[in-house]
Amino acid sequence: MNWLTSSVLPKIKAWVSTREVPDKLWSKCPSCGQILFHRDLEENLQVCTSCDHHLRISADDRLAMLFDQGNYKIIDLPKTKRDPLKFRDRKKYNERLREAQAKTGRNDAIIVAYGTIENSRAVCAVFDFSFMGGSMNTSVGDALVRAAKLAEIEDASLIVFPASGGARMQEGILSLMQMPRTVAAIDNLKEHNLPFIVVLTDPTTGGVTASFAMLGDLHIAEPGSIIGFAGQRVIQETIHEKLPKGFQKAEYLQEHGMIDLVVHRRELKTILGQILRLIMFSESEDKLMALPHLQVKVLDQDNDAGVNDG
């Protein structure tokens, strides 16, 4: 072996070899196709800097974005029941659970936290779509019941951020029973005159939409979010008609009276802070009396008197 092969050749190979690109350095916008640098996306709260499309954001990032100074307490939740129906499709349900838990680092598809938003007490329940599509099972139902109970104890607002494909089929009827359970928990919260606000994110579908997600005192949605019960293809094949443009998008639902506000992610904390101040610090005996007039007051951000009037 001469000096060319032992010394020079390895240096040349190292110089011309392709360097590995770190994972998640770039992302492609699903709306406009623009290639986005990950740091730019993070600074812009996972919103495309080219077309303003709202990409999905992790539950942890959402909580840090919402609470004052990013400070909040995570609430302990019951452990997921292991495969109560011994369900198996292409994989055992236990295997799917283990994979999702390893991927996300959390026990199930929801996280519940407590803190302040613009100095107003709030309990937030945030769905994690990366955990089996944010599907609702018994553990998610338990988490929402606990979140509602905590809001009662702390005299706080309950804000839920659903992002879900619906009920988790691997738990069958047990999953479907979480629909009336969560509805009952929300009804009990309202009996205590505490506000329940739903921030609909992409996507919110199935049994989640058919239960607590459409029972809010106020419904806010992120721009472009898909919100509905059944899929568009199923609906179209059932009614044998072409669906209107933008069907099931947040903006379409706002135009037809199902959503109160469509709010950009950058403005969400500010808007929620205004809403909570209006409701929680109202001098009225019934805090929820302010809700029917809330949309006009929140939109008129430049008119402080308009926000504070009764």
C-alpha atoms as a PDB file:
ATOM      1  CA  MET A   1       0.000   0.000   0.000  1.00  0.00           C
ATOM      2  CA  ASN A   2       1.525   3.307  -1.067  1.00  0.00           C
ATOM      3  CA  TRP A   3       1.006   6.812   0.269  1.00  0.00           C
ATOM      4  CA  LEU A   4      -1.633   7.581  -2.427  1.00  0.00           C
ATOM      5  CA  THR A   5      -4.012   4.845  -1.325  1.00  0.00           C
ATOM      6  CA  SER A   6      -3.311   5.096   2.386  1.00  0.00           C
ATOM      7  CA  SER A   7      -3.322   8.881   2.823  1.00  0.00           C
ATOM      8  CA  VAL A   8      -4.439  10.918  -0.185  1.00  0.00           C
ATOM      9  CA  LEU A   9      -7.324   8.751  -1.434  1.00  0.00           C
ATOM     10  CA  PRO A  10      -9.275   8.711   1.882  1.00  0.00           C
ATOM     11  CA  LYS A  11      -8.986  12.503   2.101  1.00  0.00           C
ATOM     12  CA  ILE A  12     -10.340  12.913  -1.454  1.00  0.00           C
ATOM     13  CA  LYS A  13     -13.255  10.548  -0.745  1.00  0.00           C
ATOM     14  CA  ALA A  14     -14.100  12.414   2.451  1.00  0.00           C
ATOM     15  CA  TRP A  15     -14.025  15.745   0.621  1.00  0.00           C
ATOM     16  CA  VAL A  16     -16.312  14.690  -2.265  1.00  0.00           C
ATOM     17  CA  SER A  17     -18.646  12.414  -0.270  1.00  0.00           C
ATOM     18  CA  THR A  18     -22.250  13.507   0.251  1.00  0.00           C
ATOM     19  CA  ARG A  19     -22.850  14.899   3.693  1.00  0.00           C
ATOM     20  CA  GLU A  20     -25.862  13.684   5.607  1.00  0.00           C
ATOM     21  CA  VAL A  21     -28.633  16.245   6.010  1.00  0.00           C
ATOM     22  CA  PRO A  22     -30.111  16.366   9.544  1.00  0.00           C
ATOM     23  CA  ASP A  23     -33.678  15.148   9.899  1.00  0.00           C
ATOM     24  CA  LYS A  24     -36.487  17.719   9.984  1.00  0.00           C
ATOM     25  CA  LEU A  25     -34.231  20.503   8.720  1.00  0.00           C
ATOM     26  CA  TRP A  26     -36.738  21.411   6.014  1.00  0.00           C
ATOM     27  CA  SER A  27     -40.495  20.991   5.656  1.00  0.00           C
ATOM     28  CA  LYS A  28     -42.768  21.251   2.649  1.00  0.00           C
ATOM     29  CA  CYS A  29     -45.959  23.263   2.965  1.00  0.00           C
ATOM     30  CA  PRO A  30     -48.890  20.949   2.088  1.00  0.00           C
ATOM     31  CA  SER A  31     -50.830  23.901   0.684  1.00  0.00           C
ATOM     32  CA  CYS A  32     -48.442  25.836  -1.581  1.00  0.00           C
ATOM     33  CA  GLY A  33     -45.539  23.382  -1.792  1.00  0.00           C
ATOM     34  CA  GLN A  34     -43.012  25.926  -0.517  1.00  0.00           C
ATOM     35  CA  ILE A  35     -39.896  24.442   1.123  1.00  0.00           C
ATOM     36  CA  LEU A  36     -39.627  25.905   4.608  1.00  0.00           C
ATOM     37  CA  PHE A  37     -36.647  26.027   6.949  1.00  0.00           C
ATOM     38  CA  HIS A  38     -37.551  24.486  10.303  1.00  0.00           C
ATOM     39  CA  ARG A  39     -36.336  27.486  12.329  1.00  0.00           C
ATOM     40  CA  ASP A  40     -38.510  29.842  10.288  1.00  0.00           C
ATOM     41  CA  LEU A  41     -41.494  27.553  10.920  1.00  0.00           C
ATOM     42  CA  GLU A  42     -40.823  27.422  14.650  1.00  0.00           C
ATOM     43  CA  GLU A  43     -40.543  31.204  14.894  1.00  0.00           C
ATOM     44  CA  ASN A  44     -43.792  31.553  12.949  1.00  0.00           C
ATOM     45  CA  LEU A  45     -45.639  29.025  15.161  1.00  0.00           C
ATOM     46  CA  GLN A  46     -45.760  26.352  12.428  1.00  0.00           C
ATOM     47  CA  VAL A  47     -47.518  28.685   9.978  1.00  0.00           C
ATOM     48  CA  CYS A  48     -46.264  28.794   6.383  1.00  0.00           C
ATOM     49  CA  THR A  49     -44.358  32.018   5.757  1.00  0.00           C
ATOM     50  CA  SER A  50     -45.419  31.955   2.105  1.00  0.00           C
ATOM     51  CA  CYS A  51     -49.175  31.212   2.039  1.00  0.00           C
ATOM     52  CA  ASP A  52     -50.103  31.446   5.766  1.00  0.00           C
ATOM     53  CA  HIS A  53     -51.230  27.807   5.852  1.00  0.00           C
ATOM     54  CA  HIS A  54     -51.482  26.504   9.422  1.00  0.00           C
ATOM     55  CA  LEU A  55     -49.487  23.296   9.786  1.00  0.00           C
ATOM     56  CA  ARG A  56     -50.194  20.969  12.669  1.00  0.00           C
ATOM     57  CA  ILE A  57     -48.449  21.866  15.894  1.00  0.00           C
ATOM     58  CA  SER A  58     -47.442  19.552  18.731  1.00  0.00           C
ATOM     59  CA  ALA A  59     -49.408  19.561  21.978  1.00  0.00           C
ATOM     60  CA  ASP A  60     -46.343  20.689  23.952  1.00  0.00           C
ATOM     61  CA  ASP A  61     -45.657  23.604  21.602  1.00  0.00           C
ATOM     62  CA  ARG A  62     -49.291  24.669  21.785  1.00  0.00           C
ATOM     63  CA  LEU A  63     -49.273  24.744  25.578  1.00  0.00           C
ATOM     64  CA  ALA A  64     -46.025  26.726  25.653  1.00  0.00           C
ATOM     65  CA  MET A  65     -47.527  29.177  23.176  1.00  0.00           C
ATOM     66  CA  LEU A  66     -50.720  29.692  25.201  1.00  0.00           C
ATOM     67  CA  PHE A  67     -49.786  29.962  28.858  1.00  0.00           C
ATOM     68  CA  ASP A  68     -48.169  33.051  30.346  1.00  0.00           C
ATOM     69  CA  GLN A  69     -44.352  32.857  30.144  1.00  0.00           C
ATOM     70  CA  GLY A  70     -44.828  29.276  28.947  1.00  0.00           C
ATOM     71  CA  ASN A  71     -45.447  28.165  32.552  1.00  0.00           C
ATOM     72  CA  TYR A  72     -48.049  25.514  33.276  1.00  0.00           C
ATOM     73  CA  LYS A  73     -48.643  22.357  35.311  1.00  0.00           C
ATOM     74  CA  ILE A  74     -49.317  19.017  33.637  1.00  0.00           C
ATOM     75  CA  ILE A  75     -52.131  17.059  35.275  1.00  0.00           C
ATOM     76  CA  ASP A  76     -51.588  13.374  36.019  1.00  0.00           C
ATOM     77  CA  LEU A  77     -53.958  11.213  34.015  1.00  0.00           C
ATOM     78  CA  PRO A  78     -55.018   7.574  34.417  1.00  0.00           C
ATOM     79  CA  LYS A  79     -53.022   5.003  32.505  1.00  0.00           C
ATOM     80  CA  THR A  80     -54.462   3.632  29.287  1.00  0.00           C
ATOM     81  CA  LYS A  81     -56.326   0.360  29.744  1.00  0.00           C
ATOM     82  CA  ARG A  82     -54.520  -2.324  27.795  1.00  0.00           C
ATOM     83  CA  ASP A  83     -56.650  -3.771  25.004  1.00  0.00           C
ATOM     84  CA  PRO A  84     -59.974  -4.294  26.862  1.00  0.00           C
ATOM     85  CA  LEU A  85     -61.546  -6.042  23.829  1.00  0.00           C
ATOM     86  CA  LYS A  86     -58.457  -8.038  22.732  1.00  0.00           C
ATOM     87  CA  PHE A  87     -58.775  -6.247  19.400  1.00  0.00           C
ATOM     88  CA  ARG A  88     -56.632  -7.107  16.400  1.00  0.00           C
ATOM     89  CA  ASP A  89     -56.618  -5.905  12.795  1.00  0.00           C
ATOM     90  CA  ARG A  90     -53.304  -6.021  10.932  1.00  0.00           C
ATOM     91  CA  LYS A  91     -51.661  -5.561  14.341  1.00  0.00           C
ATOM     92  CA  LYS A  92     -52.673  -6.146  17.914  1.00  0.00           C
ATOM     93  CA  TYR A  93     -54.047  -3.072  19.659  1.00  0.00           C
ATOM     94  CA  ASN A  94     -51.340  -3.457  22.319  1.00  0.00           C
ATOM     95  CA  GLU A  95     -48.681  -3.167  19.632  1.00  0.00           C
ATOM     96  CA  ARG A  96     -50.239  -0.020  18.194  1.00  0.00           C
ATOM     97  CA  LEU A  97     -50.385   1.521  21.664  1.00  0.00           C
ATOM     98  CA  ARG A  98     -46.731   0.756  22.363  1.00  0.00           C
ATOM     99  CA  GLU A  99     -45.687   2.203  19.005  1.00  0.00           C
ATOM    100  CA  ALA A 100     -47.690   5.395  19.580  1.00  0.00           C
ATOM    101  CA  GLN A 101     -46.349   5.793  23.118  1.00  0.00           C
ATOM    102  CA  ALA A 102     -42.771   5.314  21.932  1.00  0.00           C
ATOM    103  CA  LYS A 103     -43.282   7.776  19.068  1.00  0.00           C
ATOM    104  CA  THR A 104     -44.892  10.564  21.115  1.00  0.00           C
ATOM    105  CA  GLY A 105     -43.467   9.966  24.579  1.00  0.00           C
ATOM    106  CA  ARG A 106     -46.909  10.285  26.168  1.00  0.00           C
ATOM    107  CA  ASN A 107     -49.421   7.838  27.581  1.00  0.00           C
ATOM    108  CA  ASP A 108     -52.306   8.629  25.246  1.00  0.00           C
ATOM    109  CA  ALA A 109     -53.755  11.137  22.779  1.00  0.00           C
ATOM    110  CA  ILE A 110     -54.421  14.015  25.179  1.00  0.00           C
ATOM    111  CA  ILE A 111     -52.575  16.253  27.600  1.00  0.00           C
ATOM    112  CA  VAL A 112     -54.240  18.353  30.317  1.00  0.00           C
ATOM    113  CA  ALA A 113     -52.521  21.394  31.814  1.00  0.00           C
ATOM    114  CA  TYR A 114     -53.379  24.196  34.218  1.00  0.00           C
ATOM    115  CA  GLY A 115     -52.063  27.762  34.327  1.00  0.00           C
ATOM    116  CA  THR A 116     -52.934  31.336  33.377  1.00  0.00           C
ATOM    117  CA  ILE A 117     -53.653  32.899  29.996  1.00  0.00           C
ATOM    118  CA  GLU A 118     -53.287  36.686  30.083  1.00  0.00           C
ATOM    119  CA  ASN A 119     -53.584  36.404  33.903  1.00  0.00           C
ATOM    120  CA  SER A 120     -56.858  34.440  33.741  1.00  0.00           C
ATOM    121  CA  ARG A 121     -57.012  30.930  35.207  1.00  0.00           C
ATOM    122  CA  ALA A 122     -57.532  28.235  32.594  1.00  0.00           C
ATOM    123  CA  VAL A 123     -57.463  24.467  32.251  1.00  0.00           C
ATOM    124  CA  CYS A 124     -56.448  23.339  28.755  1.00  0.00           C
ATOM    125  CA  ALA A 125     -56.991  19.879  27.271  1.00  0.00           C
ATOM    126  CA  VAL A 126     -54.993  19.474  24.060  1.00  0.00           C
ATOM    127  CA  PHE A 127     -55.281  16.517  21.694  1.00  0.00           C
ATOM    128  CA  ASP A 128     -52.181  15.037  20.080  1.00  0.00           C
ATOM    129  CA  PHE A 129     -53.050  13.960  16.527  1.00  0.00           C
ATOM    130  CA  SER A 130     -49.762  12.097  16.164  1.00  0.00           C
ATOM    131  CA  PHE A 131     -51.005   9.585  18.772  1.00  0.00           C
ATOM    132  CA  MET A 132     -53.256   7.252  16.751  1.00  0.00           C
ATOM    133  CA  GLY A 133     -54.884  10.168  14.976  1.00  0.00           C
ATOM    134  CA  GLY A 134     -55.963  11.803  18.240  1.00  0.00           C
ATOM    135  CA  SER A 135     -58.671   9.155  18.557  1.00  0.00           C
ATOM    136  CA  MET A 136     -60.879   9.214  21.657  1.00  0.00           C
ATOM    137  CA  ASN A 137     -60.835   6.173  23.921  1.00  0.00           C
ATOM    138  CA  THR A 138     -61.637   5.565  27.585  1.00  0.00           C
ATOM    139  CA  SER A 139     -58.426   7.259  28.750  1.00  0.00           C
ATOM    140  CA  VAL A 140     -59.161  10.375  26.693  1.00  0.00           C
ATOM    141  CA  GLY A 141     -62.685  10.408  28.126  1.00  0.00           C
ATOM    142  CA  ASP A 142     -61.259  10.121  31.653  1.00  0.00           C
ATOM    143  CA  ALA A 143     -58.879  12.998  30.918  1.00  0.00           C
ATOM    144  CA  LEU A 144     -61.678  15.294  29.750  1.00  0.00           C
ATOM    145  CA  VAL A 145     -63.782  14.443  32.816  1.00  0.00           C
ATOM    146  CA  ARG A 146     -60.812  15.243  35.059  1.00  0.00           C
ATOM    147  CA  ALA A 147     -60.155  18.479  33.185  1.00  0.00           C
ATOM    148  CA  ALA A 148     -63.748  19.605  33.729  1.00  0.00           C
ATOM    149  CA  LYS A 149     -63.567  18.694  37.421  1.00  0.00           C
ATOM    150  CA  LEU A 150     -60.292  20.591  37.837  1.00  0.00           C
ATOM    151  CA  ALA A 151     -61.852  23.671  36.233  1.00  0.00           C
ATOM    152  CA  GLU A 152     -64.644  23.494  38.830  1.00  0.00           C
ATOM    153  CA  ILE A 153     -62.196  23.173  41.722  1.00  0.00           C
ATOM    154  CA  GLU A 154     -59.988  26.021  40.490  1.00  0.00           C
ATOM    155  CA  ASP A 155     -62.906  28.219  39.356  1.00  0.00           C
ATOM    156  CA  ALA A 156     -61.239  28.339  35.954  1.00  0.00           C
ATOM    157  CA  SER A 157     -62.254  28.244  32.317  1.00  0.00           C
ATOM    158  CA  LEU A 158     -61.975  24.989  30.405  1.00  0.00           C
ATOM    159  CA  ILE A 159     -60.446  25.283  26.934  1.00  0.00           C
ATOM    160  CA  VAL A 160     -60.249  22.189  24.725  1.00  0.00           C
ATOM    161  CA  PHE A 161     -58.194  21.891  21.529  1.00  0.00           C
ATOM    162  CA  PRO A 162     -59.513  18.849  19.651  1.00  0.00           C
ATOM    163  CA  ALA A 163     -57.527  17.345  16.789  1.00  0.00           C
ATOM    164  CA  SER A 164     -58.997  13.938  16.161  1.00  0.00           C
ATOM    165  CA  GLY A 165     -60.245  11.387  13.685  1.00  0.00           C
ATOM    166  CA  GLY A 166     -63.023  10.424  16.115  1.00  0.00           C
ATOM    167  CA  ALA A 167     -63.676   7.450  18.382  1.00  0.00           C
ATOM    168  CA  ARG A 168     -60.959   4.786  18.605  1.00  0.00           C
ATOM    169  CA  MET A 169     -62.307   1.711  16.850  1.00  0.00           C
ATOM    170  CA  GLN A 170     -60.033  -0.671  18.788  1.00  0.00           C
ATOM    171  CA  GLU A 171     -62.088  -0.008  21.923  1.00  0.00           C
ATOM    172  CA  GLY A 172     -65.470  -0.324  20.233  1.00  0.00           C
ATOM    173  CA  ILE A 173     -68.504   0.570  22.352  1.00  0.00           C
ATOM    174  CA  LEU A 174     -66.234   1.585  25.252  1.00  0.00           C
ATOM    175  CA  SER A 175     -64.868   4.354  23.058  1.00  0.00           C
ATOM    176  CA  LEU A 176     -68.334   5.430  21.906  1.00  0.00           C
ATOM    177  CA  MET A 177     -69.473   5.684  25.543  1.00  0.00           C
ATOM    178  CA  GLN A 178     -66.999   8.545  26.010  1.00  0.00           C
ATOM    179  CA  MET A 179     -69.308  10.741  23.942  1.00  0.00           C
ATOM    180  CA  PRO A 180     -72.106  10.902  26.582  1.00  0.00           C
ATOM    181  CA  ARG A 181     -69.519  10.904  29.393  1.00  0.00           C
ATOM    182  CA  THR A 182     -67.829  14.029  28.083  1.00  0.00           C
ATOM    183  CA  VAL A 183     -71.175  15.693  27.366  1.00  0.00           C
ATOM    184  CA  ALA A 184     -72.244  15.064  30.987  1.00  0.00           C
ATOM    185  CA  ALA A 185     -68.953  16.510  32.273  1.00  0.00           C
ATOM    186  CA  ILE A 186     -69.425  19.669  30.196  1.00  0.00           C
ATOM    187  CA  ASP A 187     -73.045  20.044  31.351  1.00  0.00           C
ATOM    188  CA  ASN A 188     -71.894  19.838  34.962  1.00  0.00           C
ATOM    189  CA  LEU A 189     -69.265  22.509  34.285  1.00  0.00           C
ATOM    190  CA  LYS A 190     -71.905  24.823  32.851  1.00  0.00           C
ATOM    191  CA  GLU A 191     -74.071  24.347  35.930  1.00  0.00           C
ATOM    192  CA  HIS A 192     -71.234  26.025  37.832  1.00  0.00           C
ATOM    193  CA  ASN A 193     -71.363  28.985  35.394  1.00  0.00           C
ATOM    194  CA  LEU A 194     -67.839  28.319  34.168  1.00  0.00           C
ATOM    195  CA  PRO A 195     -67.038  28.926  30.500  1.00  0.00           C
ATOM    196  CA  PHE A 196     -66.253  26.088  28.124  1.00  0.00           C
ATOM    197  CA  ILE A 197     -64.357  27.229  25.028  1.00  0.00           C
ATOM    198  CA  VAL A 198     -63.500  24.961  22.109  1.00  0.00           C
ATOM    199  CA  VAL A 199     -60.644  25.823  19.746  1.00  0.00           C
ATOM    200  CA  LEU A 200     -61.166  23.597  16.718  1.00  0.00           C
ATOM    201  CA  THR A 201     -57.946  22.550  14.986  1.00  0.00           C
ATOM    202  CA  ASP A 202     -57.170  20.460  11.938  1.00  0.00           C
ATOM    203  CA  PRO A 203     -58.782  17.960  11.806  1.00  0.00           C
ATOM    204  CA  THR A 204     -61.760  17.668  14.149  1.00  0.00           C
ATOM    205  CA  THR A 205     -64.023  14.855  12.992  1.00  0.00           C
ATOM    206  CA  GLY A 206     -66.121  11.839  13.956  1.00  0.00           C
ATOM    207  CA  GLY A 207     -67.364  11.211  17.481  1.00  0.00           C
ATOM    208  CA  VAL A 208     -65.334  14.096  18.897  1.00  0.00           C
ATOM    209  CA  THR A 209     -67.277  16.537  16.719  1.00  0.00           C
ATOM    210  CA  ALA A 210     -70.523  14.747  17.579  1.00  0.00           C
ATOM    211  CA  SER A 211     -70.007  15.230  21.313  1.00  0.00           C
ATOM    212  CA  PHE A 212     -68.152  17.816  23.397  1.00  0.00           C
ATOM    213  CA  ALA A 213     -66.447  19.645  20.496  1.00  0.00           C
ATOM    214  CA  MET A 214     -69.703  21.284  19.403  1.00  0.00           C
ATOM    215  CA  LEU A 215     -70.994  22.132  22.881  1.00  0.00           C
ATOM    216  CA  GLY A 216     -68.780  25.104  23.613  1.00  0.00           C
ATOM    217  CA  ASP A 217     -70.074  28.417  24.850  1.00  0.00           C
ATOM    218  CA  LEU A 218     -67.783  29.796  22.182  1.00  0.00           C
ATOM    219  CA  HIS A 219     -66.288  28.055  19.153  1.00  0.00           C
ATOM    220  CA  ILE A 220     -63.009  29.292  17.721  1.00  0.00           C
ATOM    221  CA  ALA A 221     -61.185  27.640  14.825  1.00  0.00           C
ATOM    222  CA  GLU A 222     -57.762  27.930  13.258  1.00  0.00           C
ATOM    223  CA  PRO A 223     -57.802  28.977   9.582  1.00  0.00           C
ATOM    224  CA  GLY A 224     -58.284  26.154   7.097  1.00  0.00           C
ATOM    225  CA  SER A 225     -59.145  23.514   9.691  1.00  0.00           C
ATOM    226  CA  ILE A 226     -61.258  20.561   8.533  1.00  0.00           C
ATOM    227  CA  ILE A 227     -64.240  20.212  10.867  1.00  0.00           C
ATOM    228  CA  GLY A 228     -67.063  17.722  10.420  1.00  0.00           C
ATOM    229  CA  PHE A 229     -68.521  14.355  11.305  1.00  0.00           C
ATOM    230  CA  ALA A 230     -68.276  12.103   8.242  1.00  0.00           C
ATOM    231  CA  GLY A 231     -65.707  12.417   5.465  1.00  0.00           C
ATOM    232  CA  GLN A 232     -66.495  14.411   2.340  1.00  0.00           C
ATOM    233  CA  ARG A 233     -66.393  11.344   0.083  1.00  0.00           C
ATOM    234  CA  VAL A 234     -68.903   9.493   2.270  1.00  0.00           C
ATOM    235  CA  ILE A 235     -71.259  12.481   2.315  1.00  0.00           C
ATOM    236  CA  GLN A 236     -71.004  13.018  -1.418  1.00  0.00           C
ATOM    237  CA  GLU A 237     -71.724   9.365  -2.189  1.00  0.00           C
ATOM    238  CA  THR A 238     -74.671   9.397   0.223  1.00  0.00           C
ATOM    239  CA  ILE A 239     -76.448  12.499  -1.075  1.00  0.00           C
ATOM    240  CA  HIS A 240     -75.293  12.034  -4.703  1.00  0.00           C
ATOM    241  CA  GLU A 241     -74.488  15.720  -5.028  1.00  0.00           C
ATOM    242  CA  LYS A 242     -71.310  17.683  -5.464  1.00  0.00           C
ATOM    243  CA  LEU A 243     -70.304  19.423  -2.258  1.00  0.00           C
ATOM    244  CA  PRO A 244     -69.756  23.209  -2.272  1.00  0.00           C
ATOM    245  CA  LYS A 245     -66.257  24.633  -2.428  1.00  0.00           C
ATOM    246  CA  GLY A 246     -64.584  24.859   0.963  1.00  0.00           C
ATOM    247  CA  PHE A 247     -67.088  22.449   2.541  1.00  0.00           C
ATOM    248  CA  GLN A 248     -66.088  21.511   6.128  1.00  0.00           C
ATOM    249  CA  LYS A 249     -63.382  24.183   6.220  1.00  0.00           C
ATOM    250  CA  ALA A 250     -63.374  26.541   9.205  1.00  0.00           C
ATOM    251  CA  GLU A 251     -64.213  29.582   7.073  1.00  0.00           C
ATOM    252  CA  TYR A 252     -67.189  27.794   5.476  1.00  0.00           C
ATOM    253  CA  LEU A 253     -68.548  26.813   8.888  1.00  0.00           C
ATOM    254  CA  GLN A 254     -68.191  30.372  10.163  1.00  0.00           C
ATOM    255  CA  GLU A 255     -70.174  31.687   7.195  1.00  0.00           C
ATOM    256  CA  HIS A 256     -72.954  29.213   8.029  1.00  0.00           C
ATOM    257  CA  GLY A 257     -73.088  30.007  11.746  1.00  0.00           C
ATOM    258  CA  MET A 258     -71.438  26.919  13.246  1.00  0.00           C
ATOM    259  CA  ILE A 259     -68.261  28.733  14.374  1.00  0.00           C
ATOM    260  CA  ASP A 260     -68.008  32.085  16.108  1.00  0.00           C
ATOM    261  CA  LEU A 261     -64.454  33.094  15.198  1.00  0.00           C
ATOM    262  CA  VAL A 262     -61.646  32.014  12.899  1.00  0.00           C
ATOM    263  CA  VAL A 263     -58.432  33.212  14.540  1.00  0.00           C
ATOM    264  CA  HIS A 264     -54.848  33.169  13.293  1.00  0.00           C
ATOM    265  CA  ARG A 265     -52.509  31.206  15.522  1.00  0.00           C
ATOM    266  CA  ARG A 266     -50.399  34.306  16.261  1.00  0.00           C
ATOM    267  CA  GLU A 267     -53.459  36.103  17.635  1.00  0.00           C
ATOM    268  CA  LEU A 268     -55.009  33.181  19.501  1.00  0.00           C
ATOM    269  CA  LYS A 269     -53.523  33.852  22.944  1.00  0.00           C
ATOM    270  CA  THR A 270     -54.508  37.538  22.800  1.00  0.00           C
ATOM    271  CA  ILE A 271     -58.074  36.746  21.716  1.00  0.00           C
ATOM    272  CA  LEU A 272     -58.458  34.068  24.384  1.00  0.00           C
ATOM    273  CA  GLY A 273     -57.129  36.495  26.988  1.00  0.00           C
ATOM    274  CA  GLN A 274     -59.744  39.084  25.993  1.00  0.00           C
ATOM    275  CA  ILE A 275     -62.488  36.483  26.130  1.00  0.00           C
ATOM    276  CA  LEU A 276     -61.466  35.188  29.541  1.00  0.00           C
ATOM    277  CA  ARG A 277     -61.208  38.699  31.003  1.00  0.00           C
ATOM    278  CA  LEU A 278     -64.630  39.537  29.629  1.00  0.00           C
ATOM    279  CA  ILE A 279     -66.243  36.421  31.085  1.00  0.00           C
ATOM    280  CA  MET A 280     -64.354  35.715  34.293  1.00  0.00           C
ATOM    281  CA  PHE A 281     -64.049  39.309  35.509  1.00  0.00           C
ATOM    282  CA  SER A 282     -67.573  40.335  34.556  1.00  0.00           C
ATOM    283  CA  GLU A 283     -69.498  42.061  37.328  1.00  0.00           C
ATOM    284  CA  SER A 284     -72.633  40.246  36.221  1.00  0.00           C
ATOM    285  CA  GLU A 285     -73.794  37.442  38.504  1.00  0.00           C
ATOM    286  CA  ASP A 286     -74.014  35.129  35.508  1.00  0.00           C
ATOM    287  CA  LYS A 287     -70.635  35.204  33.738  1.00  0.00           C
ATOM    288  CA  LEU A 288     -72.008  33.546  30.637  1.00  0.00           C
ATOM    289  CA  MET A 289     -74.465  36.393  30.017  1.00  0.00           C
ATOM    290  CA  ALA A 290     -71.654  38.115  28.111  1.00  0.00           C
ATOM    291  CA  LEU A 291     -71.238  35.274  25.620  1.00  0.00           C
ATOM    292  CA  PRO A 292     -73.993  36.132  23.078  1.00  0.00           C
ATOM    293  CA  HIS A 293     -72.347  39.525  22.472  1.00  0.00           C
ATOM    294  CA  LEU A 294     -68.793  38.270  22.661  1.00  0.00           C
ATOM    295  CA  GLN A 295     -67.989  38.084  18.959  1.00  0.00           C
ATOM    296  CA  VAL A 296     -68.658  41.757  18.286  1.00  0.00           C
ATOM    297  CA  LYS A 297     -66.673  42.847  21.328  1.00  0.00           C
ATOM    298  CA  VAL A 298     -63.626  40.689  20.619  1.00  0.00           C
ATOM    299  CA  LEU A 299     -63.434  41.779  17.010  1.00  0.00           C
ATOM    300  CA  ASP A 300     -63.508  45.443  18.024  1.00  0.00           C
ATOM    301  CA  GLN A 301     -60.051  45.279  19.588  1.00  0.00           C
ATOM    302  CA  ASP A 302     -59.338  48.948  19.095  1.00  0.00           C
ATOM    303  CA  ASN A 303     -62.378  50.021  21.099  1.00  0.00           C
ATOM    304  CA  ASP A 304     -61.580  49.406  24.751  1.00  0.00           C
ATOM    305  CA  ALA A 305     -64.901  50.792  25.880  1.00  0.00           C
ATOM    306  CA  GLY A 306     -66.718  48.395  23.618  1.00  0.00           C
ATOM    307  CA  VAL A 307     -64.895  45.455  25.202  1.00  0.00           C
ATOM    308  CA  ASN A 308     -65.665  46.494  28.745  1.00  0.00           C
ATOM    309  CA  ASP A 309     -69.294  47.553  28.360  1.00  0.00           C
ATOM    310  CA  GLY A 310     -71.899  45.183  29.842  1.00  0.00           C
END
